[in-house]
């Protein structure tokens, strides 16, 4: 699709998703200011695609999900499996299309937006039609909590030139319950932001005693990629109450442009100088 046609198509999609003239929107902002989220007002339907406005967010990946029970229990109340992932530019403002999914529990419903590590979060009230989710079970403390999460590119010289490398992911988990947790199922995937679908061999988590905090260092292999970002998504199943997380890391293979510059200079220096033919002075023959 050519540039003008692509621009026309994007404008048409935006016009179709935008609220009608005169329509108000519902907004949510954490107490004390900070990141905010704006959604169309009025009753929405499951399966409807809407435009969601973000303002005041840190640059990077955000996860947007529909939650029942006003998201009081976190991921337990949210349709995490149908979440939308998007990128926020350095300006901190973005407008993202979101597919409204059915929450796993009954309303009151909210649209929750958060960064992969949960350092920034905001939500806005949603009025959903046709939600047939089950009633909320009694609130219980989470069986496992995520204390810290970080991913760093550890590809070394191979990563400098865009070759397959490795991410070092550090995960810190805490068991706030009164019983130990023994080797819960752990699934791990990696890929571009919003498309982390390549399955990675996840390590066994072992036993996490009651009240214990454990740290895990997980090597995650990556394929060849000249530039860009990676996202690692994880899911830990504990007694039917999964703990889901995502974390991103950037790869900057500066070796490629440096190698290209060195090769260019070498080729210029190796070019042989052209021999110039002697020029005869006026009126004098060229000596042999």
C-alpha atoms as a PDB file:
ATOM      1  CA  UNK A   1       0.000   0.000   0.000  1.00  0.00           C
ATOM      2  CA  UNK A   2       1.407   3.381  -1.002  1.00  0.00           C
ATOM      3  CA  UNK A   3       1.949   6.211   1.462  1.00  0.00           C
ATOM      4  CA  UNK A   4      -1.170   8.266   0.509  1.00  0.00           C
ATOM      5  CA  UNK A   5      -3.413   5.169   0.494  1.00  0.00           C
ATOM      6  CA  UNK A   6      -2.071   4.064   3.891  1.00  0.00           C
ATOM      7  CA  UNK A   7      -2.757   7.513   5.343  1.00  0.00           C
ATOM      8  CA  UNK A   8      -6.320   7.479   3.986  1.00  0.00           C
ATOM      9  CA  UNK A   9      -6.908   3.991   5.468  1.00  0.00           C
ATOM     10  CA  UNK A  10      -5.616   5.035   8.891  1.00  0.00           C
ATOM     11  CA  UNK A  11      -7.833   8.128   8.879  1.00  0.00           C
ATOM     12  CA  UNK A  12     -10.840   5.982   7.985  1.00  0.00           C
ATOM     13  CA  UNK A  13     -10.160   3.559  10.844  1.00  0.00           C
ATOM     14  CA  UNK A  14      -9.713   6.434  13.311  1.00  0.00           C
ATOM     15  CA  UNK A  15     -12.962   8.015  12.160  1.00  0.00           C
ATOM     16  CA  UNK A  16     -14.826   4.729  12.561  1.00  0.00           C
ATOM     17  CA  UNK A  17     -13.496   4.172  16.093  1.00  0.00           C
ATOM     18  CA  UNK A  18     -13.775   7.745  17.360  1.00  0.00           C
ATOM     19  CA  UNK A  19     -16.715   8.759  19.546  1.00  0.00           C
ATOM     20  CA  UNK A  20     -19.580  10.469  17.774  1.00  0.00           C
ATOM     21  CA  UNK A  21     -19.713  14.293  17.862  1.00  0.00           C
ATOM     22  CA  UNK A  22     -20.893  15.577  21.213  1.00  0.00           C
ATOM     23  CA  UNK A  23     -20.087  12.258  22.968  1.00  0.00           C
ATOM     24  CA  UNK A  24     -18.399  12.621  26.329  1.00  0.00           C
ATOM     25  CA  UNK A  25     -15.739  10.262  27.623  1.00  0.00           C
ATOM     26  CA  UNK A  26     -15.014   8.629  30.944  1.00  0.00           C
ATOM     27  CA  UNK A  27     -11.543   9.213  32.330  1.00  0.00           C
ATOM     28  CA  UNK A  28      -9.564   7.709  35.148  1.00  0.00           C
ATOM     29  CA  UNK A  29      -6.447   9.032  36.879  1.00  0.00           C
ATOM     30  CA  UNK A  30      -4.729   7.674  39.992  1.00  0.00           C
ATOM     31  CA  UNK A  31      -5.032   9.750  43.152  1.00  0.00           C
ATOM     32  CA  UNK A  32      -2.420  12.495  43.220  1.00  0.00           C
ATOM     33  CA  UNK A  33      -2.174  12.741  39.437  1.00  0.00           C
ATOM     34  CA  UNK A  34       0.050  10.646  37.191  1.00  0.00           C
ATOM     35  CA  UNK A  35      -0.859   8.423  34.230  1.00  0.00           C
ATOM     36  CA  UNK A  36      -4.437   8.719  32.971  1.00  0.00           C
ATOM     37  CA  UNK A  37      -6.727   6.712  30.707  1.00  0.00           C
ATOM     38  CA  UNK A  38      -9.764   7.942  28.751  1.00  0.00           C
ATOM     39  CA  UNK A  39     -12.484   5.706  27.258  1.00  0.00           C
ATOM     40  CA  UNK A  40     -15.727   6.437  25.375  1.00  0.00           C
ATOM     41  CA  UNK A  41     -18.675   7.103  27.706  1.00  0.00           C
ATOM     42  CA  UNK A  42     -21.935   5.201  27.583  1.00  0.00           C
ATOM     43  CA  UNK A  43     -22.666   1.493  27.383  1.00  0.00           C
ATOM     44  CA  UNK A  44     -20.142  -0.610  25.472  1.00  0.00           C
ATOM     45  CA  UNK A  45     -20.497  -4.141  24.112  1.00  0.00           C
ATOM     46  CA  UNK A  46     -18.197  -7.120  24.429  1.00  0.00           C
ATOM     47  CA  UNK A  47     -16.427  -7.489  21.076  1.00  0.00           C
ATOM     48  CA  UNK A  48     -16.622  -3.766  20.318  1.00  0.00           C
ATOM     49  CA  UNK A  49     -13.421  -1.985  19.281  1.00  0.00           C
ATOM     50  CA  UNK A  50     -12.892   1.446  20.839  1.00  0.00           C
ATOM     51  CA  UNK A  51     -10.186   4.088  20.957  1.00  0.00           C
ATOM     52  CA  UNK A  52      -8.525   4.547  24.342  1.00  0.00           C
ATOM     53  CA  UNK A  53      -6.540   7.688  25.142  1.00  0.00           C
ATOM     54  CA  UNK A  54      -3.444   7.631  27.350  1.00  0.00           C
ATOM     55  CA  UNK A  55      -1.747  10.651  28.883  1.00  0.00           C
ATOM     56  CA  UNK A  56       1.174  11.076  31.260  1.00  0.00           C
ATOM     57  CA  UNK A  57       2.631   7.580  30.767  1.00  0.00           C
ATOM     58  CA  UNK A  58       6.296   6.561  30.686  1.00  0.00           C
ATOM     59  CA  UNK A  59       7.562   5.642  27.228  1.00  0.00           C
ATOM     60  CA  UNK A  60       7.373   1.934  26.446  1.00  0.00           C
ATOM     61  CA  UNK A  61       4.915  -0.956  26.472  1.00  0.00           C
ATOM     62  CA  UNK A  62       1.534  -0.826  28.213  1.00  0.00           C
ATOM     63  CA  UNK A  63      -1.018  -3.589  28.780  1.00  0.00           C
ATOM     64  CA  UNK A  64      -4.730  -2.765  28.518  1.00  0.00           C
ATOM     65  CA  UNK A  65      -7.325  -5.197  29.884  1.00  0.00           C
ATOM     66  CA  UNK A  66     -10.996  -5.324  30.858  1.00  0.00           C
ATOM     67  CA  UNK A  67     -11.592  -6.245  34.504  1.00  0.00           C
ATOM     68  CA  UNK A  68     -14.645  -7.130  36.559  1.00  0.00           C
ATOM     69  CA  UNK A  69     -15.057  -6.647  40.319  1.00  0.00           C
ATOM     70  CA  UNK A  70     -13.472  -3.199  39.813  1.00  0.00           C
ATOM     71  CA  UNK A  71     -10.115  -5.045  39.546  1.00  0.00           C
ATOM     72  CA  UNK A  72      -9.986  -5.380  43.346  1.00  0.00           C
ATOM     73  CA  UNK A  73      -8.077  -8.659  43.124  1.00  0.00           C
ATOM     74  CA  UNK A  74      -5.783  -7.609  40.293  1.00  0.00           C
ATOM     75  CA  UNK A  75      -5.143 -10.167  37.556  1.00  0.00           C
ATOM     76  CA  UNK A  76      -7.746 -12.547  39.004  1.00  0.00           C
ATOM     77  CA  UNK A  77     -10.511 -10.144  37.946  1.00  0.00           C
ATOM     78  CA  UNK A  78      -9.087  -9.222  34.524  1.00  0.00           C
ATOM     79  CA  UNK A  79      -9.274 -10.710  31.030  1.00  0.00           C
ATOM     80  CA  UNK A  80      -5.482 -10.887  30.868  1.00  0.00           C
ATOM     81  CA  UNK A  81      -5.475 -13.485  28.085  1.00  0.00           C
ATOM     82  CA  UNK A  82      -7.320 -11.031  25.800  1.00  0.00           C
ATOM     83  CA  UNK A  83      -5.299  -7.974  26.839  1.00  0.00           C
ATOM     84  CA  UNK A  84      -4.153  -5.390  24.282  1.00  0.00           C
ATOM     85  CA  UNK A  85      -0.489  -4.359  24.205  1.00  0.00           C
ATOM     86  CA  UNK A  86       0.626  -1.030  22.794  1.00  0.00           C
ATOM     87  CA  UNK A  87       3.554   1.369  22.692  1.00  0.00           C
ATOM     88  CA  UNK A  88       3.627   4.817  24.291  1.00  0.00           C
ATOM     89  CA  UNK A  89       6.046   7.313  22.668  1.00  0.00           C
ATOM     90  CA  UNK A  90       8.385   9.579  24.686  1.00  0.00           C
ATOM     91  CA  UNK A  91       5.670  12.267  24.703  1.00  0.00           C
ATOM     92  CA  UNK A  92       3.693  10.075  27.122  1.00  0.00           C
ATOM     93  CA  UNK A  93       0.498  10.395  25.048  1.00  0.00           C
ATOM     94  CA  UNK A  94      -1.074   7.785  22.778  1.00  0.00           C
ATOM     95  CA  UNK A  95      -4.404   6.722  21.294  1.00  0.00           C
ATOM     96  CA  UNK A  96      -4.717   2.944  20.994  1.00  0.00           C
ATOM     97  CA  UNK A  97      -7.479   0.718  19.537  1.00  0.00           C
ATOM     98  CA  UNK A  98      -8.714  -1.799  22.120  1.00  0.00           C
ATOM     99  CA  UNK A  99     -11.031  -4.784  21.664  1.00  0.00           C
ATOM    100  CA  UNK A 100     -13.475  -4.943  24.595  1.00  0.00           C
ATOM    101  CA  UNK A 101     -13.230  -8.460  26.055  1.00  0.00           C
ATOM    102  CA  UNK A 102     -15.524 -10.179  28.535  1.00  0.00           C
ATOM    103  CA  UNK A 103     -14.119 -10.083  32.089  1.00  0.00           C
ATOM    104  CA  UNK A 104     -13.785 -13.355  34.028  1.00  0.00           C
ATOM    105  CA  UNK A 105     -16.035 -12.067  36.843  1.00  0.00           C
ATOM    106  CA  UNK A 106     -19.103  -9.842  37.068  1.00  0.00           C
ATOM    107  CA  UNK A 107     -19.090  -6.047  37.003  1.00  0.00           C
ATOM    108  CA  UNK A 108     -18.557  -3.304  38.231  1.00  0.00           C
ATOM    109  CA  UNK A 109     -16.122  -3.230  35.319  1.00  0.00           C
ATOM    110  CA  UNK A 110     -13.090  -1.081  34.588  1.00  0.00           C
ATOM    111  CA  UNK A 111     -10.528  -0.766  31.829  1.00  0.00           C
ATOM    112  CA  UNK A 112      -7.134  -1.169  33.490  1.00  0.00           C
ATOM    113  CA  UNK A 113      -3.896   0.045  31.929  1.00  0.00           C
ATOM    114  CA  UNK A 114      -0.487  -0.796  33.382  1.00  0.00           C
ATOM    115  CA  UNK A 115       3.182  -1.041  32.522  1.00  0.00           C
ATOM    116  CA  UNK A 116       4.745  -4.537  32.415  1.00  0.00           C
ATOM    117  CA  UNK A 117       6.178  -4.202  35.924  1.00  0.00           C
ATOM    118  CA  UNK A 118       3.131  -2.432  37.344  1.00  0.00           C
ATOM    119  CA  UNK A 119       5.086   0.698  38.288  1.00  0.00           C
ATOM    120  CA  UNK A 120       2.438   2.812  36.527  1.00  0.00           C
ATOM    121  CA  UNK A 121      -1.249   1.937  36.452  1.00  0.00           C
ATOM    122  CA  UNK A 122      -4.594   3.643  35.889  1.00  0.00           C
ATOM    123  CA  UNK A 123      -8.178   2.584  35.252  1.00  0.00           C
ATOM    124  CA  UNK A 124     -11.466   4.015  34.009  1.00  0.00           C
ATOM    125  CA  UNK A 125     -15.008   2.823  34.701  1.00  0.00           C
ATOM    126  CA  UNK A 126     -16.742   0.784  31.976  1.00  0.00           C
ATOM    127  CA  UNK A 127     -20.441   0.087  31.505  1.00  0.00           C
ATOM    128  CA  UNK A 128     -20.703  -3.221  29.639  1.00  0.00           C
ATOM    129  CA  UNK A 129     -23.803  -4.793  28.123  1.00  0.00           C
ATOM    130  CA  UNK A 130     -24.357  -8.536  28.028  1.00  0.00           C
ATOM    131  CA  UNK A 131     -21.719  -9.520  30.572  1.00  0.00           C
ATOM    132  CA  UNK A 132     -22.616 -12.976  31.896  1.00  0.00           C
ATOM    133  CA  UNK A 133     -19.498 -13.582  33.984  1.00  0.00           C
ATOM    134  CA  UNK A 134     -19.916 -15.451  37.288  1.00  0.00           C
ATOM    135  CA  UNK A 135     -20.278 -13.603  40.559  1.00  0.00           C
ATOM    136  CA  UNK A 136     -17.124 -12.672  42.412  1.00  0.00           C
ATOM    137  CA  UNK A 137     -15.812 -15.262  44.841  1.00  0.00           C
ATOM    138  CA  UNK A 138     -14.771 -14.121  48.317  1.00  0.00           C
ATOM    139  CA  UNK A 139     -11.626 -12.022  48.079  1.00  0.00           C
ATOM    140  CA  UNK A 140      -8.514 -13.948  49.070  1.00  0.00           C
ATOM    141  CA  UNK A 141      -4.904 -12.768  49.178  1.00  0.00           C
ATOM    142  CA  UNK A 142      -2.852 -13.696  46.112  1.00  0.00           C
ATOM    143  CA  UNK A 143      -0.949 -16.937  46.444  1.00  0.00           C
ATOM    144  CA  UNK A 144       2.162 -15.445  44.852  1.00  0.00           C
ATOM    145  CA  UNK A 145       3.226 -11.838  44.298  1.00  0.00           C
ATOM    146  CA  UNK A 146       5.760 -10.315  41.926  1.00  0.00           C
ATOM    147  CA  UNK A 147       8.289  -8.200  43.858  1.00  0.00           C
ATOM    148  CA  UNK A 148      10.734  -7.242  41.099  1.00  0.00           C
ATOM    149  CA  UNK A 149      11.148  -7.905  37.380  1.00  0.00           C
ATOM    150  CA  UNK A 150      13.953  -6.881  35.029  1.00  0.00           C
ATOM    151  CA  UNK A 151      15.368  -7.943  31.650  1.00  0.00           C
ATOM    152  CA  UNK A 152      18.812  -7.000  30.301  1.00  0.00           C
ATOM    153  CA  UNK A 153      20.500  -7.871  26.997  1.00  0.00           C
ATOM    154  CA  UNK A 154      23.467 -10.135  27.756  1.00  0.00           C
ATOM    155  CA  UNK A 155      24.316 -11.140  24.198  1.00  0.00           C
ATOM    156  CA  UNK A 156      27.881  -9.757  24.400  1.00  0.00           C
ATOM    157  CA  UNK A 157      29.924  -9.473  21.182  1.00  0.00           C
ATOM    158  CA  UNK A 158      27.363 -11.577  19.291  1.00  0.00           C
ATOM    159  CA  UNK A 159      24.652  -9.075  20.103  1.00  0.00           C
ATOM    160  CA  UNK A 160      26.837  -6.208  18.898  1.00  0.00           C
ATOM    161  CA  UNK A 161      26.407  -7.540  15.363  1.00  0.00           C
ATOM    162  CA  UNK A 162      22.742  -8.609  15.516  1.00  0.00           C
ATOM    163  CA  UNK A 163      23.464 -12.330  15.909  1.00  0.00           C
ATOM    164  CA  UNK A 164      21.352 -14.637  18.113  1.00  0.00           C
ATOM    165  CA  UNK A 165      21.925 -13.736  21.736  1.00  0.00           C
ATOM    166  CA  UNK A 166      20.430 -13.914  25.198  1.00  0.00           C
ATOM    167  CA  UNK A 167      18.391 -11.850  27.631  1.00  0.00           C
ATOM    168  CA  UNK A 168      19.000 -12.123  31.363  1.00  0.00           C
ATOM    169  CA  UNK A 169      15.623 -11.951  33.134  1.00  0.00           C
ATOM    170  CA  UNK A 170      15.566 -11.476  36.915  1.00  0.00           C
ATOM    171  CA  UNK A 171      12.308 -12.410  38.652  1.00  0.00           C
ATOM    172  CA  UNK A 172      11.690 -11.936  42.377  1.00  0.00           C
ATOM    173  CA  UNK A 173       8.663 -13.738  43.845  1.00  0.00           C
ATOM    174  CA  UNK A 174       7.128 -13.612  47.320  1.00  0.00           C
ATOM    175  CA  UNK A 175       4.775 -16.089  48.979  1.00  0.00           C
ATOM    176  CA  UNK A 176       2.558 -14.109  51.389  1.00  0.00           C
ATOM    177  CA  UNK A 177       0.426 -17.120  52.293  1.00  0.00           C
ATOM    178  CA  UNK A 178       0.572 -19.496  55.225  1.00  0.00           C
ATOM    179  CA  UNK A 179       1.425 -22.564  53.121  1.00  0.00           C
ATOM    180  CA  UNK A 180       4.408 -23.373  50.965  1.00  0.00           C
ATOM    181  CA  UNK A 181       4.106 -23.423  47.170  1.00  0.00           C
ATOM    182  CA  UNK A 182       5.827 -26.319  45.445  1.00  0.00           C
ATOM    183  CA  UNK A 183       7.003 -26.073  41.836  1.00  0.00           C
ATOM    184  CA  UNK A 184       4.041 -24.241  40.234  1.00  0.00           C
ATOM    185  CA  UNK A 185       3.603 -24.480  36.457  1.00  0.00           C
ATOM    186  CA  UNK A 186       5.675 -21.769  34.762  1.00  0.00           C
ATOM    187  CA  UNK A 187       5.217 -20.765  31.091  1.00  0.00           C
ATOM    188  CA  UNK A 188       7.549 -18.318  29.346  1.00  0.00           C
ATOM    189  CA  UNK A 189       7.493 -16.773  25.844  1.00  0.00           C
ATOM    190  CA  UNK A 190       9.580 -14.150  24.017  1.00  0.00           C
ATOM    191  CA  UNK A 191       9.144 -12.005  20.921  1.00  0.00           C
ATOM    192  CA  UNK A 192       8.502  -8.435  19.685  1.00  0.00           C
ATOM    193  CA  UNK A 193       6.341  -6.236  21.939  1.00  0.00           C
ATOM    194  CA  UNK A 194       2.764  -7.474  21.863  1.00  0.00           C
ATOM    195  CA  UNK A 195       3.801 -10.617  19.923  1.00  0.00           C
ATOM    196  CA  UNK A 196       5.804 -12.626  22.453  1.00  0.00           C
ATOM    197  CA  UNK A 197       4.797 -16.054  21.139  1.00  0.00           C
ATOM    198  CA  UNK A 198       8.071 -18.024  20.923  1.00  0.00           C
ATOM    199  CA  UNK A 199       8.030 -20.577  23.751  1.00  0.00           C
ATOM    200  CA  UNK A 200      11.084 -20.602  26.027  1.00  0.00           C
ATOM    201  CA  UNK A 201      12.096 -23.438  28.355  1.00  0.00           C
ATOM    202  CA  UNK A 202      11.141 -22.075  31.787  1.00  0.00           C
ATOM    203  CA  UNK A 203      13.065 -23.281  34.847  1.00  0.00           C
ATOM    204  CA  UNK A 204      11.489 -25.137  37.753  1.00  0.00           C
ATOM    205  CA  UNK A 205      10.608 -22.698  40.536  1.00  0.00           C
ATOM    206  CA  UNK A 206      11.051 -25.263  43.290  1.00  0.00           C
ATOM    207  CA  UNK A 207       9.539 -24.714  46.719  1.00  0.00           C
ATOM    208  CA  UNK A 208       8.702 -21.225  47.980  1.00  0.00           C
ATOM    209  CA  UNK A 209       8.064 -21.428  51.704  1.00  0.00           C
ATOM    210  CA  UNK A 210       5.366 -19.427  53.487  1.00  0.00           C
ATOM    211  CA  UNK A 211       6.531 -15.831  53.812  1.00  0.00           C
ATOM    212  CA  UNK A 212       9.633 -16.506  51.695  1.00  0.00           C
ATOM    213  CA  UNK A 213      10.993 -14.297  48.907  1.00  0.00           C
ATOM    214  CA  UNK A 214      13.032 -15.965  46.166  1.00  0.00           C
ATOM    215  CA  UNK A 215      14.935 -14.535  43.210  1.00  0.00           C
ATOM    216  CA  UNK A 216      15.356 -16.328  39.895  1.00  0.00           C
ATOM    217  CA  UNK A 217      17.782 -15.557  37.070  1.00  0.00           C
ATOM    218  CA  UNK A 218      16.403 -16.900  33.794  1.00  0.00           C
ATOM    219  CA  UNK A 219      18.421 -16.887  30.532  1.00  0.00           C
ATOM    220  CA  UNK A 220      16.118 -16.284  27.556  1.00  0.00           C
ATOM    221  CA  UNK A 221      17.602 -16.937  24.087  1.00  0.00           C
ATOM    222  CA  UNK A 222      16.797 -14.499  21.295  1.00  0.00           C
ATOM    223  CA  UNK A 223      17.030 -14.818  17.541  1.00  0.00           C
ATOM    224  CA  UNK A 224      18.974 -12.636  15.137  1.00  0.00           C
ATOM    225  CA  UNK A 225      17.668  -9.055  15.193  1.00  0.00           C
ATOM    226  CA  UNK A 226      19.582  -6.022  13.940  1.00  0.00           C
ATOM    227  CA  UNK A 227      17.587  -3.492  15.967  1.00  0.00           C
ATOM    228  CA  UNK A 228      14.485  -3.288  18.097  1.00  0.00           C
ATOM    229  CA  UNK A 229      12.975  -4.426  21.366  1.00  0.00           C
ATOM    230  CA  UNK A 230      12.119  -7.778  22.860  1.00  0.00           C
ATOM    231  CA  UNK A 231       9.304  -8.622  25.272  1.00  0.00           C
ATOM    232  CA  UNK A 232       9.275 -11.575  27.642  1.00  0.00           C
ATOM    233  CA  UNK A 233       5.883 -12.756  28.913  1.00  0.00           C
ATOM    234  CA  UNK A 234       5.432 -15.174  31.796  1.00  0.00           C
ATOM    235  CA  UNK A 235       2.572 -16.945  33.501  1.00  0.00           C
ATOM    236  CA  UNK A 236       2.794 -18.843  36.803  1.00  0.00           C
ATOM    237  CA  UNK A 237      -0.228 -20.997  37.686  1.00  0.00           C
ATOM    238  CA  UNK A 238      -0.852 -21.298  41.417  1.00  0.00           C
ATOM    239  CA  UNK A 239      -4.049 -23.060  42.551  1.00  0.00           C
ATOM    240  CA  UNK A 240      -5.958 -21.667  39.594  1.00  0.00           C
ATOM    241  CA  UNK A 241      -4.818 -18.126  40.411  1.00  0.00           C
ATOM    242  CA  UNK A 242      -2.230 -17.289  37.739  1.00  0.00           C
ATOM    243  CA  UNK A 243       0.416 -14.606  38.077  1.00  0.00           C
ATOM    244  CA  UNK A 244       1.048 -12.981  34.675  1.00  0.00           C
ATOM    245  CA  UNK A 245       3.827 -10.535  33.815  1.00  0.00           C
ATOM    246  CA  UNK A 246       5.638  -8.964  30.864  1.00  0.00           C
ATOM    247  CA  UNK A 247       8.998  -7.217  30.689  1.00  0.00           C
ATOM    248  CA  UNK A 248      10.809  -5.551  27.760  1.00  0.00           C
ATOM    249  CA  UNK A 249      14.486  -5.154  26.856  1.00  0.00           C
ATOM    250  CA  UNK A 250      16.172  -3.230  24.026  1.00  0.00           C
ATOM    251  CA  UNK A 251      18.900  -4.494  21.719  1.00  0.00           C
ATOM    252  CA  UNK A 252      21.307  -1.927  20.280  1.00  0.00           C
ATOM    253  CA  UNK A 253      23.867  -3.690  18.067  1.00  0.00           C
ATOM    254  CA  UNK A 254      26.235  -0.757  17.618  1.00  0.00           C
ATOM    255  CA  UNK A 255      28.815  -3.079  16.059  1.00  0.00           C
ATOM    256  CA  UNK A 256      26.973  -3.090  12.724  1.00  0.00           C
ATOM    257  CA  UNK A 257      27.273   0.647  11.937  1.00  0.00           C
ATOM    258  CA  UNK A 258      30.836   0.706  13.299  1.00  0.00           C
ATOM    259  CA  UNK A 259      31.849  -2.237  11.084  1.00  0.00           C
ATOM    260  CA  UNK A 260      30.212  -0.582   8.072  1.00  0.00           C
ATOM    261  CA  UNK A 261      32.081   2.677   8.725  1.00  0.00           C
ATOM    262  CA  UNK A 262      35.432   0.868   9.132  1.00  0.00           C
ATOM    263  CA  UNK A 263      34.866  -1.097   5.901  1.00  0.00           C
ATOM    264  CA  UNK A 264      34.008   2.087   4.000  1.00  0.00           C
ATOM    265  CA  UNK A 265      37.179   3.837   5.189  1.00  0.00           C
ATOM    266  CA  UNK A 266      39.297   0.769   4.343  1.00  0.00           C
ATOM    267  CA  UNK A 267      37.899   0.647   0.801  1.00  0.00           C
ATOM    268  CA  UNK A 268      38.600   4.337   0.275  1.00  0.00           C
ATOM    269  CA  UNK A 269      42.193   4.004   1.510  1.00  0.00           C
ATOM    270  CA  UNK A 270      42.819   0.885  -0.578  1.00  0.00           C
ATOM    271  CA  UNK A 271      41.691   2.516  -3.835  1.00  0.00           C
ATOM    272  CA  UNK A 272      44.845   2.803  -6.090  1.00  0.00           C
ATOM    273  CA  UNK A 273      45.807   6.311  -7.183  1.00  0.00           C
ATOM    274  CA  UNK A 274      45.296   6.918 -10.882  1.00  0.00           C
ATOM    275  CA  UNK A 275      48.479   7.534 -12.889  1.00  0.00           C
ATOM    276  CA  UNK A 276      48.387  10.884 -14.520  1.00  0.00           C
ATOM    277  CA  UNK A 277      49.876  11.250 -18.041  1.00  0.00           C
ATOM    278  CA  UNK A 278      52.699  13.803 -18.331  1.00  0.00           C
ATOM    279  CA  UNK A 279      51.726  17.122 -19.909  1.00  0.00           C
ATOM    280  CA  UNK A 280      54.086  18.700 -22.408  1.00  0.00           C
ATOM    281  CA  UNK A 281      55.165  22.286 -21.901  1.00  0.00           C
ATOM    282  CA  UNK A 282      54.206  24.694 -24.710  1.00  0.00           C
ATOM    283  CA  UNK A 283      56.628  24.550 -27.595  1.00  0.00           C
ATOM    284  CA  UNK A 284      58.711  21.682 -26.180  1.00  0.00           C
ATOM    285  CA  UNK A 285      58.489  18.057 -27.209  1.00  0.00           C
ATOM    286  CA  UNK A 286      58.020  15.415 -24.579  1.00  0.00           C
ATOM    287  CA  UNK A 287      61.338  13.648 -23.895  1.00  0.00           C
ATOM    288  CA  UNK A 288      61.369   9.881 -24.133  1.00  0.00           C
END
